[in-house]
Protein backbone atom coordinates (compact mmCIF):
# COMPACT_ATOMS: atom_id res chain seq x y z
CA MET A 1 6.56 -8.63 7.03
CA SER A 2 4.19 -5.73 6.88
CA ARG A 3 3.22 -3.80 3.82
CA SER A 4 4.82 -0.45 3.08
CA THR A 5 3.38 2.49 4.94
CA ALA A 6 4.74 4.91 2.35
CA LEU A 7 1.37 6.63 2.02
CA LEU A 8 0.50 6.35 5.69
CA PRO A 9 3.11 8.46 7.48
CA LEU A 10 1.11 8.93 10.64
CA LEU A 11 0.60 5.27 11.49
CA LEU A 12 2.77 3.26 13.85
CA LEU A 13 5.33 1.78 11.51
CA SER A 14 5.43 -1.98 11.23
CA THR A 15 8.01 -4.17 9.57
CA ALA A 16 6.88 -2.92 6.17
CA ALA A 17 8.79 0.21 6.92
CA ILE A 18 12.03 -1.49 5.94
CA ALA A 19 11.07 -0.92 2.33
CA HIS A 20 10.55 2.84 2.12
CA ASP A 21 11.91 6.24 3.04
CA HIS A 22 13.91 6.72 6.21
CA ASP A 23 13.03 3.20 7.29
CA HIS A 24 14.58 1.69 4.14
CA LEU A 25 17.24 -0.97 4.54
CA HIS A 26 19.08 0.57 1.55
CA TYR A 27 19.73 -2.81 -0.06
CA GLN A 28 21.50 -2.58 -3.39
CA ALA A 29 20.44 -4.78 -6.29
CA ALA A 30 22.59 -7.90 -6.56
CA SER A 31 23.55 -9.84 -9.64
CA PRO A 32 20.84 -12.14 -11.02
CA THR A 33 20.57 -15.43 -9.16
CA PRO A 34 19.01 -18.77 -10.16
CA ALA A 35 16.02 -17.89 -7.95
CA GLN A 36 15.47 -14.69 -9.92
CA THR A 37 15.10 -16.66 -13.13
CA ALA A 38 12.10 -18.63 -11.78
CA ALA A 39 9.67 -16.59 -13.88
CA GLN A 40 11.55 -17.63 -17.01
CA ARG A 41 10.91 -21.36 -16.46
CA SER A 42 8.40 -23.23 -18.57
CA PRO A 43 5.37 -24.70 -16.75
CA ALA A 44 6.93 -28.15 -16.90
CA GLU A 45 10.24 -26.90 -15.52
CA ARG A 46 8.43 -25.05 -12.73
CA ASN A 47 6.38 -28.12 -11.82
CA ALA A 48 9.56 -30.17 -11.68
CA VAL A 49 10.93 -27.77 -9.06
CA VAL A 50 7.70 -27.55 -7.08
CA THR A 51 6.98 -31.30 -7.02
CA ALA A 52 10.53 -32.57 -6.48
CA PRO A 53 10.49 -35.34 -3.82
CA LEU A 54 11.61 -34.40 -0.31
CA PRO A 55 11.98 -36.18 3.04
CA GLU A 56 8.71 -36.39 4.93
CA ASP A 57 9.35 -33.54 7.40
CA GLN A 58 10.46 -31.17 4.64
CA ALA A 59 7.55 -32.16 2.41
CA ALA A 60 5.09 -31.45 5.23
CA MET A 61 6.29 -27.85 5.48
CA LYS A 62 6.42 -27.40 1.73
CA ALA A 63 2.86 -28.69 1.35
CA HIS A 64 1.50 -25.87 3.53
CA VAL A 65 3.39 -23.28 1.49
CA MET A 66 2.25 -24.88 -1.78
CA PHE A 67 -1.33 -24.15 -0.78
CA LEU A 68 -1.01 -20.85 1.08
CA ALA A 69 1.32 -19.25 -1.49
CA SER A 70 -0.44 -20.63 -4.56
CA ASP A 71 -1.89 -18.33 -7.21
CA ALA A 72 -5.34 -19.54 -6.12
CA MET A 73 -4.89 -17.60 -2.85
CA ALA A 74 -4.26 -14.36 -4.82
CA GLY A 75 -1.89 -13.02 -2.17
CA ARG A 76 -4.08 -13.66 0.92
CA GLU A 77 -4.98 -10.01 1.45
CA ALA A 78 -6.85 -9.42 4.71
CA GLY A 79 -10.53 -8.67 4.21
CA THR A 80 -10.84 -10.82 1.08
CA ARG A 81 -12.35 -14.24 0.42
CA ASP A 82 -8.86 -15.44 -0.52
CA TYR A 83 -7.65 -14.74 3.01
CA ASP A 84 -10.76 -16.39 4.47
CA ILE A 85 -9.97 -19.61 2.58
CA ALA A 86 -6.41 -19.51 3.91
CA ALA A 87 -7.78 -19.07 7.45
CA GLN A 88 -10.03 -22.11 7.04
CA TYR A 89 -7.02 -24.10 5.86
CA VAL A 90 -5.04 -23.18 8.98
CA ALA A 91 -8.04 -24.00 11.18
CA ALA A 92 -8.25 -27.43 9.54
CA GLN A 93 -4.53 -28.00 10.10
CA PHE A 94 -4.83 -26.99 13.76
CA TYR A 95 -7.65 -29.52 14.10
CA ALA A 96 -5.59 -32.24 12.40
CA ALA A 97 -2.70 -31.47 14.76
CA GLY A 98 -4.97 -32.05 17.75
CA LEU A 99 -5.16 -28.46 18.97
CA ARG A 100 -8.19 -27.36 20.92
CA PRO A 101 -10.10 -24.42 19.43
CA GLY A 102 -9.28 -21.06 21.00
CA GLY A 103 -11.46 -18.70 18.97
CA ASP A 104 -15.05 -17.48 19.16
CA ASN A 105 -17.99 -19.69 20.11
CA GLY A 106 -15.93 -22.85 20.52
CA GLY A 107 -14.29 -22.59 17.09
CA TYR A 108 -10.81 -21.84 15.78
CA LEU A 109 -11.63 -18.44 14.28
CA GLN A 110 -11.72 -15.14 16.13
CA ARG A 111 -13.67 -12.60 14.10
CA VAL A 112 -11.70 -9.40 13.52
CA PRO A 113 -13.96 -6.53 12.38
CA LEU A 114 -11.64 -4.62 10.08
CA VAL A 115 -12.51 -1.17 8.78
CA ALA A 116 -10.94 0.91 6.04
CA TYR A 117 -11.07 4.65 6.69
CA ASN A 118 -9.93 7.75 4.87
CA VAL A 119 -10.43 11.52 4.72
CA ALA A 120 -13.81 12.11 3.07
CA ASP A 121 -12.99 15.62 1.85
CA LYS A 122 -10.18 18.17 1.96
CA GLY A 123 -11.57 19.64 5.17
CA SER A 124 -10.48 23.07 6.35
CA ALA A 125 -7.85 24.66 8.55
CA LEU A 126 -8.25 28.23 9.77
CA TRP A 127 -5.59 30.24 11.58
CA THR A 128 -6.69 33.20 13.68
CA PRO A 129 -3.73 35.22 14.97
CA ALA A 130 -4.15 37.03 18.28
CA GLY A 131 -5.89 40.33 17.56
CA GLY A 132 -5.99 39.58 13.82
CA GLN A 133 -8.35 38.32 11.15
CA PRO A 134 -8.84 34.62 10.40
CA GLN A 135 -6.88 33.28 7.43
CA GLU A 136 -7.45 30.00 5.67
CA LEU A 137 -4.58 27.55 5.37
CA VAL A 138 -4.53 26.39 1.75
CA PHE A 139 -4.94 22.66 1.15
CA GLY A 140 -1.85 21.18 -0.46
CA GLU A 141 0.21 24.29 0.13
CA ASP A 142 -0.08 24.96 3.86
CA PHE A 143 -1.88 21.93 5.28
CA VAL A 144 -2.92 18.36 4.45
CA PRO A 145 -5.53 16.69 6.71
CA SER A 146 -5.30 13.19 8.17
CA PRO A 147 -8.34 10.99 8.82
CA VAL A 148 -9.51 10.90 12.42
CA ALA A 149 -10.00 7.22 13.11
CA ASN A 150 -12.75 7.36 15.71
CA ALA A 151 -14.93 10.20 14.42
CA LYS A 152 -17.04 10.75 11.30
CA GLU A 153 -16.73 14.50 11.79
CA THR A 154 -14.06 16.45 13.63
CA SER A 155 -13.97 20.11 14.58
CA LEU A 156 -11.27 21.31 16.93
CA SER A 157 -10.12 24.79 17.88
CA ALA A 158 -7.15 25.33 20.21
CA PRO A 159 -3.80 27.10 20.65
CA VAL A 160 -0.73 25.43 19.10
CA VAL A 161 2.58 24.67 20.81
CA PHE A 162 5.68 23.50 18.95
CA VAL A 163 7.55 20.82 20.95
CA GLY A 164 10.48 19.91 18.70
CA TYR A 165 10.58 16.17 18.09
CA GLY A 166 7.73 15.70 20.57
CA ILE A 167 9.62 13.20 22.73
CA ASP A 168 9.75 13.09 26.51
CA ALA A 169 12.06 10.36 27.80
CA ALA A 170 14.46 11.69 30.41
CA GLN A 171 16.45 8.44 30.58
CA TYR A 172 17.57 9.13 27.00
CA GLY A 173 18.15 12.83 27.62
CA LEU A 174 15.06 13.80 25.61
CA THR A 175 12.89 16.39 27.35
CA ASP A 176 10.98 18.25 24.64
CA TYR A 177 8.09 18.93 27.03
CA LYS A 178 10.22 20.35 29.82
CA GLY A 179 8.63 23.55 31.10
CA VAL A 180 5.79 23.33 28.57
CA ASP A 181 2.09 23.09 29.47
CA VAL A 182 0.17 21.52 26.57
CA ARG A 183 -3.11 20.86 28.36
CA GLY A 184 -6.01 21.78 26.10
CA LYS A 185 -3.65 22.60 23.22
CA ILE A 186 -2.57 21.16 19.89
CA VAL A 187 1.05 20.03 19.82
CA ALA A 188 3.13 20.41 16.67
CA PHE A 189 6.29 18.36 16.13
CA VAL A 190 8.85 17.60 13.43
CA PRO A 191 9.27 14.06 12.08
CA GLY A 192 11.96 11.65 13.16
CA THR A 193 14.21 11.55 16.19
CA PRO A 194 17.50 13.13 17.27
CA GLU A 195 20.74 11.23 16.78
CA GLY A 196 22.11 8.96 19.46
CA LEU A 197 19.13 6.68 20.08
CA GLY A 198 19.31 2.92 19.63
CA GLY A 199 17.47 1.54 16.62
CA GLU A 200 14.51 0.20 18.58
CA GLU A 201 13.97 3.43 20.51
CA ARG A 202 14.50 5.48 17.33
CA ALA A 203 11.82 3.54 15.47
CA PHE A 204 9.44 3.79 18.42
CA PHE A 205 9.87 7.51 19.07
CA GLY A 206 9.85 8.29 15.35
CA SER A 207 6.23 7.20 14.97
CA ALA A 208 3.76 10.07 14.85
CA ALA A 209 1.17 7.86 16.56
CA ASN A 210 3.50 7.26 19.50
CA LYS A 211 4.32 10.96 19.67
CA ALA A 212 0.59 11.64 19.83
CA SER A 213 0.39 9.19 22.75
CA LEU A 214 3.04 11.16 24.63
CA ALA A 215 1.07 14.33 23.92
CA ALA A 216 -2.19 12.73 25.05
CA ALA A 217 -0.61 11.71 28.36
CA ARG A 218 0.16 15.40 28.95
CA GLY A 219 -3.36 16.63 28.20
CA ALA A 220 -3.01 17.76 24.57
CA VAL A 221 -6.23 17.71 22.53
CA GLY A 222 -4.65 17.25 19.11
CA ALA A 223 -1.38 16.79 17.25
CA ILE A 224 0.08 18.04 13.98
CA GLN A 225 3.23 16.95 12.20
CA ILE A 226 5.35 19.59 10.44
CA ASP A 227 7.01 18.90 7.11
CA MET A 228 10.66 19.46 7.95
CA PRO A 229 13.87 17.93 6.52
CA ARG A 230 15.77 16.14 9.21
CA ALA A 231 19.34 14.91 9.60
CA GLY A 232 20.03 11.26 8.90
CA GLY A 233 16.97 10.45 6.83
CA ARG A 234 14.62 11.32 3.99
CA GLN A 235 11.14 12.70 4.18
CA ARG A 236 8.32 12.25 1.72
CA PRO A 237 7.70 15.51 -0.16
CA PHE A 238 4.76 17.55 1.07
CA ALA A 239 3.33 17.50 -2.45
CA SER A 240 3.18 13.70 -2.25
CA LEU A 241 1.21 13.88 1.00
CA ALA A 242 -1.28 16.17 -0.71
CA ARG A 243 -1.57 13.87 -3.74
CA TYR A 244 -2.42 10.83 -1.63
CA TYR A 245 -4.19 12.56 1.24
CA ASN A 246 -7.27 10.35 0.97
CA ALA A 247 -5.47 6.99 0.68
CA PRO A 248 -7.33 4.46 2.85
CA ARG A 249 -5.91 3.04 6.06
CA VAL A 250 -7.06 -0.12 7.81
CA THR A 251 -7.50 -1.02 11.46
CA TRP A 252 -10.13 -2.77 13.57
CA ALA A 253 -13.55 -1.28 14.11
CA ASN A 254 -15.26 0.08 17.19
CA PRO A 255 -18.82 -1.13 17.86
CA ASP A 256 -20.20 2.03 16.21
CA GLY A 257 -18.36 1.31 12.96
CA THR A 258 -15.64 3.92 13.41
CA ALA A 259 -12.00 2.89 13.62
CA HIS A 260 -9.98 2.09 16.72
CA ALA A 261 -7.74 5.02 17.61
CA MET A 262 -4.50 4.73 19.54
CA THR A 263 -5.12 8.22 20.98
CA PRO A 264 -8.90 8.79 20.85
CA THR A 265 -8.72 12.09 22.74
CA THR A 266 -5.68 13.42 20.87
CA PRO A 267 -6.09 12.86 17.12
CA VAL A 268 -3.32 13.48 14.63
CA LEU A 269 -5.03 16.18 12.57
CA GLY A 270 -2.66 16.40 9.62
CA THR A 271 0.61 17.87 8.39
CA LEU A 272 1.71 21.50 8.08
CA SER A 273 4.13 22.53 5.36
CA GLN A 274 6.95 24.86 6.31
CA THR A 275 4.96 27.66 4.70
CA GLY A 276 1.98 26.79 6.85
CA ALA A 277 4.13 26.57 9.98
CA ALA A 278 5.55 30.04 9.26
CA LYS A 279 2.01 31.43 9.11
CA LEU A 280 1.30 30.06 12.59
CA PHE A 281 4.57 30.83 14.34
CA GLY A 282 5.56 34.03 12.54
CA LYS A 283 9.11 35.30 12.96
CA GLY A 284 9.77 32.72 15.66
CA TRP A 285 9.74 30.04 12.96
CA ASP A 286 13.04 31.35 11.57
CA ALA A 287 14.82 30.02 14.68
CA VAL A 288 13.27 26.57 14.12
CA VAL A 289 14.38 26.49 10.48
CA LYS A 290 17.89 27.52 11.55
CA ALA A 291 17.97 24.79 14.20
CA ALA A 292 16.81 22.19 11.66
CA ALA A 293 19.79 22.97 9.44
CA ALA A 294 22.29 22.12 12.19
CA PRO A 295 24.05 18.71 12.11
CA LYS A 296 22.33 17.88 15.40
CA PRO A 297 19.13 19.95 15.60
CA ALA A 298 18.24 21.24 19.07
CA TYR A 299 14.74 22.67 19.13
CA LYS A 300 13.21 24.98 21.70
CA PRO A 301 9.48 25.09 22.49
CA LEU A 302 7.51 27.78 20.68
CA THR A 303 3.91 28.89 21.24
CA ALA A 304 1.92 30.21 18.30
CA LYS A 305 0.09 33.43 19.13
CA GLY A 306 -3.44 32.65 18.10
CA GLN A 307 -5.93 29.83 17.57
CA LEU A 308 -6.01 27.00 15.02
CA THR A 309 -9.34 25.53 13.92
CA VAL A 310 -9.35 22.26 11.99
CA ALA A 311 -12.45 20.58 10.58
CA SER A 312 -12.57 17.30 8.64
CA LYS A 313 -14.76 14.33 7.78
CA THR A 314 -13.76 10.67 7.76
CA SER A 315 -15.48 7.85 5.88
CA PHE A 316 -15.51 4.19 6.92
CA LYS A 317 -15.90 0.87 5.07
CA PRO A 318 -16.25 -2.39 7.04
CA MET A 319 -14.29 -5.46 5.91
CA ASP A 320 -14.37 -8.58 8.09
CA SER A 321 -11.49 -10.97 8.66
CA SER A 322 -10.35 -13.41 11.35
CA ASN A 323 -7.47 -14.64 13.46
CA VAL A 324 -6.98 -18.41 13.82
CA ILE A 325 -6.32 -19.76 17.32
CA GLY A 326 -5.47 -23.24 18.59
CA LEU A 327 -4.47 -24.38 22.09
CA ILE A 328 -2.54 -27.14 23.80
CA PRO A 329 -3.69 -27.06 27.45
CA GLY A 330 -1.05 -26.96 30.15
CA SER A 331 -0.52 -30.04 32.31
CA ASP A 332 0.91 -28.56 35.52
CA PRO A 333 -1.76 -27.78 38.16
CA LYS A 334 0.05 -24.59 39.19
CA LEU A 335 1.13 -23.36 35.74
CA LYS A 336 -1.59 -24.54 33.35
CA ASP A 337 -3.50 -21.25 33.55
CA GLN A 338 -0.46 -19.36 32.24
CA VAL A 339 -0.29 -19.04 28.44
CA VAL A 340 2.68 -18.89 26.08
CA VAL A 341 1.67 -17.44 22.69
CA LEU A 342 3.40 -18.48 19.46
CA SER A 343 2.34 -16.07 16.72
CA ALA A 344 2.73 -15.62 12.97
CA HIS A 345 0.81 -13.56 10.44
CA LEU A 346 -1.23 -15.31 7.76
CA ASP A 347 -2.03 -12.40 5.47
CA HIS A 348 0.02 -10.92 2.64
CA ILE A 349 -0.48 -7.98 0.25
CA GLY A 350 -2.74 -9.39 -2.48
CA THR A 351 -2.27 -8.46 -6.13
CA ASN A 352 -0.70 -5.48 -7.86
CA GLU A 353 -2.94 -3.18 -9.86
CA GLY A 354 -2.43 -2.84 -13.60
CA GLY A 355 0.67 -3.77 -15.54
CA GLU A 356 1.51 -6.92 -17.43
CA GLY A 357 2.85 -10.28 -16.34
CA ASP A 358 2.60 -11.84 -12.89
CA ARG A 359 0.69 -9.50 -10.54
CA ILE A 360 0.16 -11.91 -7.61
CA ASN A 361 2.24 -11.33 -4.50
CA ASN A 362 2.25 -14.94 -3.31
CA GLY A 363 4.07 -14.37 -0.01
CA ALA A 364 5.81 -17.75 0.25
CA LEU A 365 8.48 -16.55 2.71
CA ASP A 366 6.34 -13.62 3.89
CA ASN A 367 4.77 -15.34 5.70
CA ALA A 368 3.39 -18.67 4.46
CA ILE A 369 6.54 -20.38 5.68
CA GLY A 370 6.08 -18.81 9.12
CA ILE A 371 2.56 -20.27 9.27
CA ALA A 372 3.90 -23.62 8.07
CA SER A 373 6.44 -23.49 10.89
CA LEU A 374 3.66 -22.74 13.37
CA ILE A 375 1.62 -25.75 12.22
CA GLU A 376 4.58 -28.12 12.29
CA GLU A 377 5.63 -26.83 15.71
CA ALA A 378 2.14 -27.61 17.00
CA LYS A 379 2.55 -31.20 15.80
CA ARG A 380 5.80 -31.51 17.76
CA PHE A 381 4.13 -30.32 20.93
CA LYS A 382 1.31 -32.83 20.49
CA ALA A 383 3.75 -35.68 19.88
CA ALA A 384 5.70 -34.91 23.07
CA THR A 385 4.92 -34.72 26.78
CA PRO A 386 2.21 -32.09 27.39
CA PRO A 387 3.72 -28.69 28.26
CA LYS A 388 3.36 -27.39 31.80
CA ARG A 389 1.92 -24.06 30.64
CA THR A 390 -0.79 -23.73 28.03
CA VAL A 391 0.60 -23.02 24.56
CA MET A 392 -1.43 -20.91 22.13
CA PHE A 393 -0.84 -21.00 18.38
CA LEU A 394 -2.04 -17.70 16.92
CA ALA A 395 -2.23 -16.95 13.18
CA VAL A 396 -3.16 -13.29 12.81
CA THR A 397 -4.72 -11.25 10.05
CA ALA A 398 -3.86 -7.79 8.72
CA GLU A 399 -0.25 -7.63 9.86
CA GLU A 400 0.46 -6.08 6.49
CA LYS A 401 -2.06 -3.33 7.32
CA GLY A 402 -0.13 -2.29 10.44
CA LEU A 403 -0.16 -5.15 12.99
CA VAL A 404 -3.95 -4.96 13.11
CA GLY A 405 -4.95 -8.57 13.83
CA SER A 406 -2.48 -8.89 16.69
CA ASP A 407 -3.63 -5.52 18.04
CA TYR A 408 -7.23 -6.71 17.99
CA PHE A 409 -6.29 -9.90 19.82
CA ALA A 410 -4.27 -7.97 22.42
CA ASN A 411 -7.32 -5.80 23.07
CA HIS A 412 -9.84 -8.66 22.81
CA PRO A 413 -7.92 -11.73 24.03
CA THR A 414 -9.72 -15.06 24.08
CA VAL A 415 -7.91 -15.91 27.33
CA PRO A 416 -7.42 -13.52 30.27
CA LEU A 417 -4.75 -11.03 29.26
CA LYS A 418 -3.02 -11.36 32.62
CA SER A 419 -2.56 -15.09 31.94
CA ILE A 420 -0.33 -14.49 28.87
CA VAL A 421 3.30 -14.66 30.01
CA ALA A 422 5.21 -14.39 26.71
CA ASP A 423 4.92 -14.14 22.93
CA VAL A 424 7.36 -15.68 20.45
CA ASN A 425 6.76 -14.34 16.95
CA LEU A 426 7.65 -15.89 13.56
CA ASP A 427 7.66 -13.44 10.65
CA MET A 428 9.30 -14.02 7.28
CA PRO A 429 12.17 -16.41 8.06
CA ILE A 430 14.34 -16.29 4.95
CA LEU A 431 15.14 -19.97 4.43
CA THR A 432 17.10 -19.85 1.19
CA TYR A 433 20.41 -20.85 2.81
CA LYS A 434 21.78 -23.03 5.59
CA PHE A 435 21.60 -20.72 8.59
CA GLU A 436 24.50 -20.80 11.04
CA ASP A 437 23.08 -18.63 13.83
CA MET A 438 19.87 -17.06 15.11
CA VAL A 439 18.89 -13.45 15.70
CA VAL A 440 16.33 -12.89 18.43
CA PHE A 441 15.04 -9.33 18.42
CA GLY A 442 14.24 -8.18 21.95
CA ALA A 443 16.21 -10.94 23.68
CA ASP A 444 18.20 -8.47 25.77
CA ARG A 445 15.11 -6.79 27.17
CA SER A 446 13.73 -9.56 29.37
CA THR A 447 14.51 -12.90 30.96
CA LEU A 448 13.48 -14.45 27.65
CA GLY A 449 17.07 -13.71 26.60
CA PRO A 450 18.73 -16.42 28.71
CA ILE A 451 15.89 -18.82 27.90
CA VAL A 452 16.43 -18.28 24.18
CA ARG A 453 20.21 -18.62 24.42
CA LYS A 454 19.90 -21.89 26.34
CA ALA A 455 17.44 -23.36 23.85
CA VAL A 456 19.31 -22.20 20.75
CA GLY A 457 22.66 -23.27 22.25
CA ALA A 458 21.29 -26.78 22.70
CA MET A 459 20.83 -26.82 18.92
CA ASP A 460 24.54 -25.93 18.49
CA LEU A 461 23.65 -22.48 17.19
CA PRO A 462 24.84 -19.13 18.57
CA VAL A 463 22.52 -16.19 19.15
CA SER A 464 24.00 -13.28 17.21
CA PRO A 465 23.46 -9.56 17.84
CA ASP A 466 20.92 -7.68 15.75
CA PRO A 467 22.70 -7.30 12.36
CA MET A 468 20.77 -4.13 11.52
CA PRO A 469 20.03 -2.31 14.80
CA GLU A 470 19.41 0.94 12.95
CA GLU A 471 16.15 -0.54 11.60
CA GLY A 472 14.53 -1.07 15.02
CA ILE A 473 12.78 -4.25 13.89
CA PHE A 474 11.79 -5.13 17.47
CA VAL A 475 8.95 -2.59 17.35
CA ARG A 476 7.75 -3.54 13.86
CA SER A 477 6.11 -6.94 13.96
CA ASP A 478 3.15 -8.58 15.70
CA HIS A 479 4.95 -9.35 18.97
CA PHE A 480 5.08 -5.63 19.71
CA ARG A 481 1.32 -5.57 20.30
CA PHE A 482 1.99 -7.92 23.22
CA VAL A 483 4.85 -5.70 24.40
CA GLN A 484 2.36 -2.82 24.50
CA LYS A 485 0.35 -4.86 27.00
CA GLY A 486 3.44 -5.35 29.18
CA ILE A 487 4.13 -8.93 28.00
CA PRO A 488 7.78 -9.95 27.42
CA SER A 489 8.16 -10.90 23.76
CA VAL A 490 10.75 -11.84 21.14
CA PHE A 491 10.89 -12.10 17.37
CA LEU A 492 13.03 -14.80 15.69
CA TRP A 493 15.03 -14.77 12.47
CA PRO A 494 17.67 -17.06 11.03
CA GLY A 495 20.97 -15.20 11.38
CA GLN A 496 23.23 -13.69 8.76
CA LYS A 497 26.49 -15.54 9.38
CA GLY A 498 28.14 -17.30 6.46
CA PRO A 499 25.85 -17.14 3.41
CA GLY A 500 23.08 -15.42 5.36
CA LYS A 501 23.89 -11.78 4.65
CA ALA A 502 24.00 -12.21 0.89
CA ALA A 503 20.83 -14.34 0.93
CA VAL A 504 18.88 -11.76 2.94
CA GLU A 505 20.09 -8.93 0.69
CA ASP A 506 19.10 -10.89 -2.40
CA PHE A 507 15.59 -11.59 -1.11
CA MET A 508 14.98 -8.03 0.08
CA SER A 509 16.27 -6.56 -3.17
CA HIS A 510 14.39 -8.79 -5.59
CA ARG A 511 11.42 -10.61 -4.08
CA TYR A 512 10.26 -8.93 -0.85
CA HIS A 513 6.65 -7.77 -1.37
CA ARG A 514 6.89 -8.70 -5.04
CA PRO A 515 5.42 -11.46 -7.20
CA GLY A 516 8.78 -13.27 -7.06
CA ASP A 517 8.19 -14.41 -3.46
CA GLU A 518 6.98 -17.79 -4.71
CA ILE A 519 7.55 -21.40 -3.77
CA ASP A 520 10.10 -21.98 -6.55
CA GLN A 521 12.37 -19.03 -5.68
CA GLY A 522 15.12 -21.25 -4.29
CA ILE A 523 13.92 -22.15 -0.79
CA ASP A 524 16.20 -24.62 0.99
CA TRP A 525 13.55 -26.93 2.43
CA SER A 526 16.10 -28.73 4.60
CA GLN A 527 16.19 -25.57 6.72
CA GLY A 528 12.47 -25.70 7.45
CA PRO A 529 12.61 -28.53 10.02
CA ARG A 530 15.77 -26.95 11.54
CA PHE A 531 13.92 -23.67 12.00
CA VAL A 532 10.96 -25.50 13.55
CA SER A 533 13.32 -27.35 15.90
CA VAL A 534 14.85 -24.10 17.15
CA ASN A 535 11.43 -22.53 17.68
CA TYR A 536 10.15 -25.63 19.43
CA ALA A 537 13.14 -25.68 21.78
CA ILE A 538 12.56 -22.02 22.69
CA ALA A 539 8.83 -22.41 23.20
CA ARG A 540 9.30 -25.59 25.19
CA GLU A 541 11.80 -23.91 27.50
CA ILE A 542 9.35 -21.08 28.17
CA ALA A 543 6.37 -23.39 28.57
CA ASP A 544 8.11 -25.63 31.10
CA GLY A 545 10.23 -23.05 32.94
CA ALA A 546 9.85 -22.70 36.69
CA GLU A 547 9.38 -18.91 36.54
CA ARG A 548 7.34 -16.75 34.20
CA PRO A 549 9.37 -14.33 32.05
CA VAL A 550 9.85 -10.78 33.36
CA TRP A 551 11.36 -7.61 31.94
CA ASN A 552 14.92 -6.75 32.86
CA LYS A 553 14.94 -4.16 35.62
CA GLY A 554 14.46 -0.66 34.20
CA ASP A 555 13.87 -1.74 30.59
CA TYR A 556 12.21 1.15 28.76
CA PHE A 557 9.35 -0.79 27.19
CA GLY A 558 8.73 -2.92 30.25
CA THR A 559 8.55 0.23 32.36
CA LEU A 560 6.46 2.20 29.85
CA TYR A 561 3.87 -0.55 29.53
CA LYS A 562 3.95 -1.60 33.19
CA GLY A 563 4.98 -5.22 32.65
CA PRO A 564 6.34 -7.60 35.32
CA MET A 565 9.83 -6.41 36.20
CA ALA A 566 12.89 -8.23 37.51
CA ALA A 567 13.93 -7.12 40.99
CA LYS A 568 17.62 -6.83 40.10
């Protein structure tokens, strides 16, 4: 699962968001477990655990994790040589499994030109009230700039309109833009979402990047977030934003070396403090502050009387990486050109800076075991009757940077985008217990739902509801980049029945994104082949089904991203 975006509040949140701030799962520390004492073992005791004999199918999965989550891989951080070695390993395993190469130039690797970017200086923000003299907004007190991904220098001057939460979705009763013309203007919005939304919609609408997309669709030329406490969550202090204002972010690069921007014509310019907002909106801001204090804030649009001018510079640093892609060609003359993608992220978060003791974040469960599952699933496909549709096995880079490798693939697919009919994503299956059910995020949004239930039911497992809907996990892993292209997608996890809930809480509290996520943490290797079997059954059902998956009629994401829709 993706790295914390604690210092990157204006990015689309990925699964890392479960670890910080309002996106925190609020797990409480559990009592010490045998897995937690792994670091206390002697080298001989540790080797005895790691090298303990296993049945052949379990040993095959464990062998992949032994390599990918070893200290030699130094945490597989995207953009490093350590990750590149891991990518070559996966390519070799795809070759050994008999997959055809699906990357660049007849090989297994698809080059992903990553770029790190950050604010190069503190920039400037100038407010000119109507009929008044210009006044500078003070850095760190009134305003903190954000890097503009696709421009080395930015200078923008426009009126400012406050649009509440900045959400326009009438089907959910959210109409912040009603009666407001934002063409040629900068929109200002508060963080978060109003109460009453489902977890997936809440996570989606809560992203500043997605709010900027809504503004861009209505002709806005820029966006600004306002530091404002909100009901039902916590917000990072404005002083913290100022302290880390130049923290680097990572995405994929444009041909000119700048960074890909989700809203190239409507950049998120930065964050206003409440003091800064009061300077722009004058006495009218008092009504906003009063509304924010209500149990269920209801904001009204407010136009600032004047002009805001923001100038900033952004610096860029290239850092190459790659996705790994293998294919099993379809066998049916009518369906072979359709592609089912099975995805998992290969990267993790590298090493911690400073401190003593173990600093390597090995990422055994996050997500070496997902990659191991992908490789072993490929072997099952090759050992069986060829699938009717083509099946793609996609190991992506930079998921921990914000779903970057999958976003690059979705925008630069190595097969025609229109040929991709579904994505099934494997991210951090917690296999430290015997799972008794499966959770399939997004199953109720498309005809993948019945397909999944049929396949999982054949394995004598129920499909359980999302055990933590408030977290909106459906929008926070690599499959969502396919959703954004209109492709029905699901994300699989072992369920939390029986021992599952305690096991998940223990992992999230003690080893998630920490050096303790190692091969000897107490993984139940007997569950690896079971997990592969479930995934294989799902993928096989999709690959051989008579009809391509479609979105359920009227589904929000299917409608928003113009995917194939069911007629009824």
